[in-house]
Structure formats: C-alpha cells, structure tokens
Amino acid sequence: MSNFRKLLVWQKAMSLTTKIYTSTKNFPKEEIFGLTSQLRLCAISIPSNIAEGLGRDSNNELIRFINIAVGSLFELQTQLEIAKNICYLNTEEFNNLYEDNREVERMLIAFLKKLKEDK
C-alpha cells in the first residue's frame, strides 16, 4: 500500500498521538524530559512504524514494523496507567485515551493477523 494515509488504523493512531500531545501539555514542567517525553515518543512511534512498514517492499518487513507499533502501543498503555496513578491524568482523560489506545490495538492485531494469513 503506497498511501498509508488511507489506512484507517494509521488515521486512528494519528488521532491518538494528537490527543496524547494535548493531554500532556498540562503535565508538570519537571516531567518534560520524563513521562511527558516518553508518552509522546511512544505515541509518535505507532503511526510512524505503520507508515514505515507500508513503505517497505515485503510482507515480512511490514509485519516487523507492525509488531514494533504494537510494542509501542503496549508501552503507551503502561505509561498512561502511570500518569493516572500519579494523578497527572484524571479518570475521564485516562479512560478516553485508554479506549482510543485499545481501539488502535484491536485494529493493529487484526491487521497483523491478516498479514500473517496472507504470507
């Protein structure tokens, strides 16, 4: 697929990344190189790896990059839990971000399964 922008999972991952940036704007300034940075990097990694995988010339490479995106997604879930536990995110913010995260997760896992079947 040459136009990754048309892929719904990439679009959802981009939306999640934007929401992470918006939510972390209010984190304490001392977290700029800590949790704020980590959350943002994980979020950015998800659509970036989807796009990079789709730009590769083999199904095996695409599978590898989708797996990396899934790993970043799970890392993001963990960091969201930490942000909630230390009260940087309120329950509503956490739930919204977590649900968006889980939606992307389900889509990526389904995409990965399809890619492996087509192998």
C-alpha atoms as a PDB file:
ATOM      1  CA  MET A   1       0.000   0.000   0.000  1.00  0.00           C
ATOM      2  CA  SER A   2       1.689   3.157  -1.154  1.00  0.00           C
ATOM      3  CA  ASN A   3      -0.700   5.600   0.510  1.00  0.00           C
ATOM      4  CA  PHE A   4      -0.597   4.836   4.221  1.00  0.00           C
ATOM      5  CA  ARG A   5      -2.782   7.897   4.896  1.00  0.00           C
ATOM      6  CA  LYS A   6      -5.794   5.972   3.588  1.00  0.00           C
ATOM      7  CA  LEU A   7      -5.357   3.194   6.154  1.00  0.00           C
ATOM      8  CA  LEU A   8      -7.889   3.636   8.969  1.00  0.00           C
ATOM      9  CA  VAL A   9      -5.565   2.254  11.650  1.00  0.00           C
ATOM     10  CA  TRP A  10      -2.938   4.865  10.709  1.00  0.00           C
ATOM     11  CA  GLN A  11      -5.588   7.607  10.912  1.00  0.00           C
ATOM     12  CA  LYS A  12      -6.701   6.387  14.361  1.00  0.00           C
ATOM     13  CA  ALA A  13      -3.078   6.204  15.541  1.00  0.00           C
ATOM     14  CA  MET A  14      -2.526   9.782  14.358  1.00  0.00           C
ATOM     15  CA  SER A  15      -5.603  10.912  16.276  1.00  0.00           C
ATOM     16  CA  LEU A  16      -4.368   9.134  19.407  1.00  0.00           C
ATOM     17  CA  THR A  17      -0.971  10.822  19.049  1.00  0.00           C
ATOM     18  CA  THR A  18      -2.604  14.235  18.805  1.00  0.00           C
ATOM     19  CA  LYS A  19      -4.680  13.513  21.915  1.00  0.00           C
ATOM     20  CA  ILE A  20      -1.562  12.414  23.831  1.00  0.00           C
ATOM     21  CA  TYR A  21       0.164  15.686  22.941  1.00  0.00           C
ATOM     22  CA  THR A  22      -2.879  17.678  24.055  1.00  0.00           C
ATOM     23  CA  SER A  23      -3.223  15.769  27.340  1.00  0.00           C
ATOM     24  CA  THR A  24       0.451  16.028  28.237  1.00  0.00           C
ATOM     25  CA  LYS A  25       0.534  19.821  27.780  1.00  0.00           C
ATOM     26  CA  ASN A  26      -0.725  20.141  31.347  1.00  0.00           C
ATOM     27  CA  PHE A  27       1.798  17.768  32.916  1.00  0.00           C
ATOM     28  CA  PRO A  28       4.247  19.361  35.371  1.00  0.00           C
ATOM     29  CA  LYS A  29       7.208  21.080  33.700  1.00  0.00           C
ATOM     30  CA  GLU A  30       9.644  18.791  35.548  1.00  0.00           C
ATOM     31  CA  GLU A  31       8.180  15.905  33.506  1.00  0.00           C
ATOM     32  CA  ILE A  32       9.127  17.403  30.135  1.00  0.00           C
ATOM     33  CA  PHE A  33      12.121  15.033  29.874  1.00  0.00           C
ATOM     34  CA  GLY A  34      10.372  12.254  31.785  1.00  0.00           C
ATOM     35  CA  LEU A  35       6.862  10.933  31.425  1.00  0.00           C
ATOM     36  CA  THR A  36       5.732  13.674  29.015  1.00  0.00           C
ATOM     37  CA  SER A  37       8.536  12.833  26.616  1.00  0.00           C
ATOM     38  CA  GLN A  38       8.030   9.077  26.976  1.00  0.00           C
ATOM     39  CA  LEU A  39       4.296   9.242  26.296  1.00  0.00           C
ATOM     40  CA  ARG A  40       4.825  11.418  23.251  1.00  0.00           C
ATOM     41  CA  LEU A  41       7.612   9.256  21.845  1.00  0.00           C
ATOM     42  CA  CYS A  42       5.551   6.087  22.215  1.00  0.00           C
ATOM     43  CA  ALA A  43       2.544   7.714  20.611  1.00  0.00           C
ATOM     44  CA  ILE A  44       4.600   9.034  17.687  1.00  0.00           C
ATOM     45  CA  SER A  45       6.140   5.614  17.181  1.00  0.00           C
ATOM     46  CA  ILE A  46       2.794   3.953  16.447  1.00  0.00           C
ATOM     47  CA  PRO A  47       1.704   5.753  13.237  1.00  0.00           C
ATOM     48  CA  SER A  48       5.343   6.213  12.218  1.00  0.00           C
ATOM     49  CA  ASN A  49       6.001   2.464  12.248  1.00  0.00           C
ATOM     50  CA  ILE A  50       2.761   1.753  10.417  1.00  0.00           C
ATOM     51  CA  ALA A  51       3.811   4.212   7.697  1.00  0.00           C
ATOM     52  CA  GLU A  52       7.370   2.919   7.538  1.00  0.00           C
ATOM     53  CA  GLY A  53       6.215  -0.693   7.309  1.00  0.00           C
ATOM     54  CA  LEU A  54       3.860   0.152   4.474  1.00  0.00           C
ATOM     55  CA  GLY A  55       6.749   1.831   2.685  1.00  0.00           C
ATOM     56  CA  ARG A  56       8.816  -1.344   2.717  1.00  0.00           C
ATOM     57  CA  ASP A  57       8.853  -3.780  -0.146  1.00  0.00           C
ATOM     58  CA  SER A  58       7.986  -7.011   1.607  1.00  0.00           C
ATOM     59  CA  ASN A  59       5.244  -8.501   3.721  1.00  0.00           C
ATOM     60  CA  ASN A  60       7.837  -9.659   6.272  1.00  0.00           C
ATOM     61  CA  GLU A  61       9.108  -6.107   6.713  1.00  0.00           C
ATOM     62  CA  LEU A  62       5.572  -4.795   7.105  1.00  0.00           C
ATOM     63  CA  ILE A  63       4.867  -7.439   9.764  1.00  0.00           C
ATOM     64  CA  ARG A  64       8.057  -6.450  11.598  1.00  0.00           C
ATOM     65  CA  PHE A  65       7.087  -2.762  11.693  1.00  0.00           C
ATOM     66  CA  ILE A  66       3.503  -3.503  12.733  1.00  0.00           C
ATOM     67  CA  ASN A  67       4.916  -5.585  15.592  1.00  0.00           C
ATOM     68  CA  ILE A  68       7.035  -2.605  16.628  1.00  0.00           C
ATOM     69  CA  ALA A  69       3.926  -0.402  16.550  1.00  0.00           C
ATOM     70  CA  VAL A  70       2.107  -2.903  18.787  1.00  0.00           C
ATOM     71  CA  GLY A  71       5.032  -2.845  21.238  1.00  0.00           C
ATOM     72  CA  SER A  72       4.892   0.954  21.363  1.00  0.00           C
ATOM     73  CA  LEU A  73       1.153   0.765  21.920  1.00  0.00           C
ATOM     74  CA  PHE A  74       1.596  -1.523  24.944  1.00  0.00           C
ATOM     75  CA  GLU A  75       4.318   0.757  26.269  1.00  0.00           C
ATOM     76  CA  LEU A  76       1.922   3.688  25.884  1.00  0.00           C
ATOM     77  CA  GLN A  77      -0.771   1.802  27.822  1.00  0.00           C
ATOM     78  CA  THR A  78       1.671   1.286  30.696  1.00  0.00           C
ATOM     79  CA  GLN A  79       2.696   4.931  30.746  1.00  0.00           C
ATOM     80  CA  LEU A  80      -0.937   6.057  30.709  1.00  0.00           C
ATOM     81  CA  GLU A  81      -1.525   3.896  33.796  1.00  0.00           C
ATOM     82  CA  ILE A  82       1.451   5.563  35.489  1.00  0.00           C
ATOM     83  CA  ALA A  83       0.160   9.035  34.581  1.00  0.00           C
ATOM     84  CA  LYS A  84      -3.224   8.143  36.053  1.00  0.00           C
ATOM     85  CA  ASN A  85      -1.690   6.640  39.209  1.00  0.00           C
ATOM     86  CA  ILE A  86       0.275   9.807  39.958  1.00  0.00           C
ATOM     87  CA  CYS A  87      -2.749  11.997  39.149  1.00  0.00           C
ATOM     88  CA  TYR A  88      -1.383  13.636  36.005  1.00  0.00           C
ATOM     89  CA  LEU A  89      -4.485  12.357  34.186  1.00  0.00           C
ATOM     90  CA  ASN A  90      -7.941  12.379  35.708  1.00  0.00           C
ATOM     91  CA  THR A  91     -10.115   9.300  35.352  1.00  0.00           C
ATOM     92  CA  GLU A  92     -12.107  10.651  32.415  1.00  0.00           C
ATOM     93  CA  GLU A  93      -8.988  11.664  30.461  1.00  0.00           C
ATOM     94  CA  PHE A  94      -7.376   8.312  31.185  1.00  0.00           C
ATOM     95  CA  ASN A  95     -10.459   6.353  30.134  1.00  0.00           C
ATOM     96  CA  ASN A  96     -10.781   8.273  26.864  1.00  0.00           C
ATOM     97  CA  LEU A  97      -7.112   7.827  25.976  1.00  0.00           C
ATOM     98  CA  TYR A  98      -7.118   4.201  27.043  1.00  0.00           C
ATOM     99  CA  GLU A  99     -10.191   3.393  24.954  1.00  0.00           C
ATOM    100  CA  ASP A 100      -8.650   5.066  21.915  1.00  0.00           C
ATOM    101  CA  ASN A 101      -5.480   3.085  22.579  1.00  0.00           C
ATOM    102  CA  ARG A 102      -7.406  -0.188  22.827  1.00  0.00           C
ATOM    103  CA  GLU A 103      -9.224   0.576  19.559  1.00  0.00           C
ATOM    104  CA  VAL A 104      -5.904   1.025  17.766  1.00  0.00           C
ATOM    105  CA  GLU A 105      -4.648  -2.152  19.441  1.00  0.00           C
ATOM    106  CA  ARG A 106      -7.590  -4.216  18.161  1.00  0.00           C
ATOM    107  CA  MET A 107      -7.123  -2.807  14.662  1.00  0.00           C
ATOM    108  CA  LEU A 108      -3.377  -3.463  14.629  1.00  0.00           C
ATOM    109  CA  ILE A 109      -3.774  -7.016  15.925  1.00  0.00           C
ATOM    110  CA  ALA A 110      -6.415  -7.748  13.261  1.00  0.00           C
ATOM    111  CA  PHE A 111      -4.162  -6.216  10.584  1.00  0.00           C
ATOM    112  CA  LEU A 112      -1.209  -8.296  11.802  1.00  0.00           C
ATOM    113  CA  LYS A 113      -3.300 -11.470  11.775  1.00  0.00           C
ATOM    114  CA  LYS A 114      -4.425 -10.764   8.196  1.00  0.00           C
ATOM    115  CA  LEU A 115      -0.847 -10.088   7.085  1.00  0.00           C
ATOM    116  CA  LYS A 116       0.325 -13.376   8.582  1.00  0.00           C
ATOM    117  CA  GLU A 117      -2.508 -15.292   6.900  1.00  0.00           C
ATOM    118  CA  ASP A 118      -1.594 -13.777   3.542  1.00  0.00           C
ATOM    119  CA  LYS A 119       2.058 -14.694   3.950  1.00  0.00           C
END
